[in-house]
Amino acid sequence: MGKVAAKIKVMPNSPDVDLDALQERLEGSLPEGAKINGVERDDVAFGLVALFPTVIVPDDSGGTEAVEEAFSNVDDVESVSVENVGRI
């Protein structure tokens, strides 16, 4: 089986959120078989910074749905959306 790389946009619910702690919580919430392969940060507006983790998941695990759901349930996360998906 192959693997899929997905760049996911994670918006914190406030500019006051500690992004390093949020990144650790995201990594801790990953379903089995998934891993984060780098995280980018991008200024959105008014001090709000979005995280863009690139997540590697097995091709047979139903895509990114489990990761999106896990990220959505992390404290201080406002929204989660997939920006880009590709096979590796």
Protein backbone atom coordinates (compact mmCIF):
# COMPACT_ATOMS: atom_id res chain seq x y z
CA MET A 1 0.00 0.00 0.00
CA GLY A 2 1.06 3.53 -0.67
CA LYS A 3 0.91 6.56 1.53
CA VAL A 4 -0.89 9.87 1.24
CA ALA A 5 0.49 13.26 2.27
CA ALA A 6 -2.08 15.86 3.26
CA LYS A 7 -1.45 19.50 4.11
CA ILE A 8 -4.10 20.45 6.66
CA LYS A 9 -4.99 23.97 7.79
CA VAL A 10 -5.67 24.18 11.51
CA MET A 11 -7.10 27.46 12.80
CA PRO A 12 -6.77 28.18 16.51
CA ASN A 13 -9.79 29.76 18.19
CA SER A 14 -7.82 32.77 19.45
CA PRO A 15 -4.61 34.71 18.76
CA ASP A 16 -3.66 33.99 22.38
CA VAL A 17 -3.30 30.22 21.85
CA ASP A 18 0.21 28.85 22.51
CA LEU A 19 1.03 27.43 19.07
CA ASP A 20 3.83 25.18 20.32
CA ALA A 21 1.48 23.56 22.85
CA LEU A 22 -1.26 23.29 20.22
CA GLN A 23 1.17 21.58 17.84
CA GLU A 24 2.06 19.05 20.56
CA ARG A 25 -1.64 18.35 21.21
CA LEU A 26 -2.22 17.82 17.48
CA GLU A 27 0.66 15.34 17.32
CA GLY A 28 -0.72 13.52 20.37
CA SER A 29 -4.19 13.23 18.81
CA LEU A 30 -3.10 11.47 15.61
CA PRO A 31 -4.73 8.13 14.85
CA GLU A 32 -2.53 5.03 14.64
CA GLY A 33 -0.43 4.91 11.48
CA ALA A 34 -0.47 8.67 10.89
CA LYS A 35 2.45 11.00 11.51
CA ILE A 36 3.22 14.68 11.08
CA ASN A 37 6.04 15.41 8.66
CA GLY A 38 6.63 19.10 9.33
CA VAL A 39 4.46 22.05 10.32
CA GLU A 40 4.30 25.47 8.68
CA ARG A 41 2.81 28.60 10.20
CA ASP A 42 1.08 31.40 8.35
CA ASP A 43 -0.16 34.75 9.63
CA VAL A 44 -3.87 35.07 8.87
CA ALA A 45 -5.06 38.38 10.35
CA PHE A 46 -5.16 40.37 13.58
CA GLY A 47 -2.42 38.29 15.19
CA LEU A 48 -4.06 34.97 14.33
CA VAL A 49 -1.64 32.34 13.03
CA ALA A 50 -2.75 29.14 11.27
CA LEU A 51 -0.84 25.88 11.56
CA PHE A 52 -0.32 23.78 8.42
CA PRO A 53 0.84 20.30 9.45
CA THR A 54 1.69 17.89 6.64
CA VAL A 55 0.30 14.55 7.73
CA ILE A 56 1.36 11.19 6.25
CA VAL A 57 -1.33 8.48 6.39
CA PRO A 58 -1.54 4.99 4.86
CA ASP A 59 -3.49 4.94 1.60
CA ASP A 60 -5.87 2.26 2.87
CA SER A 61 -6.96 4.02 6.07
CA GLY A 62 -9.85 6.01 4.59
CA GLY A 63 -7.86 9.07 3.64
CA THR A 64 -7.63 12.05 5.95
CA GLU A 65 -11.04 11.79 7.63
CA ALA A 66 -9.71 10.24 10.85
CA VAL A 67 -6.99 12.89 11.11
CA GLU A 68 -9.46 15.73 10.46
CA GLU A 69 -11.79 14.39 13.14
CA ALA A 70 -8.94 13.96 15.63
CA PHE A 71 -7.65 17.50 15.01
CA SER A 72 -11.18 18.93 15.33
CA ASN A 73 -11.47 17.47 18.83
CA VAL A 74 -8.25 19.08 20.11
CA ASP A 75 -8.65 21.94 22.60
CA ASP A 76 -8.27 25.47 21.15
CA VAL A 77 -8.94 24.36 17.53
CA GLU A 78 -11.55 26.48 15.75
CA SER A 79 -11.53 24.74 12.36
CA VAL A 80 -9.74 22.10 10.30
CA SER A 81 -9.62 21.93 6.50
CA VAL A 82 -7.58 19.92 4.01
CA GLU A 83 -5.57 22.21 1.74
CA ASN A 84 -3.77 19.69 -0.45
CA VAL A 85 -3.57 15.89 -0.81
CA GLY A 86 -1.21 13.75 -2.85
CA ARG A 87 0.22 10.25 -3.00
CA ILE A 88 3.82 9.62 -2.07
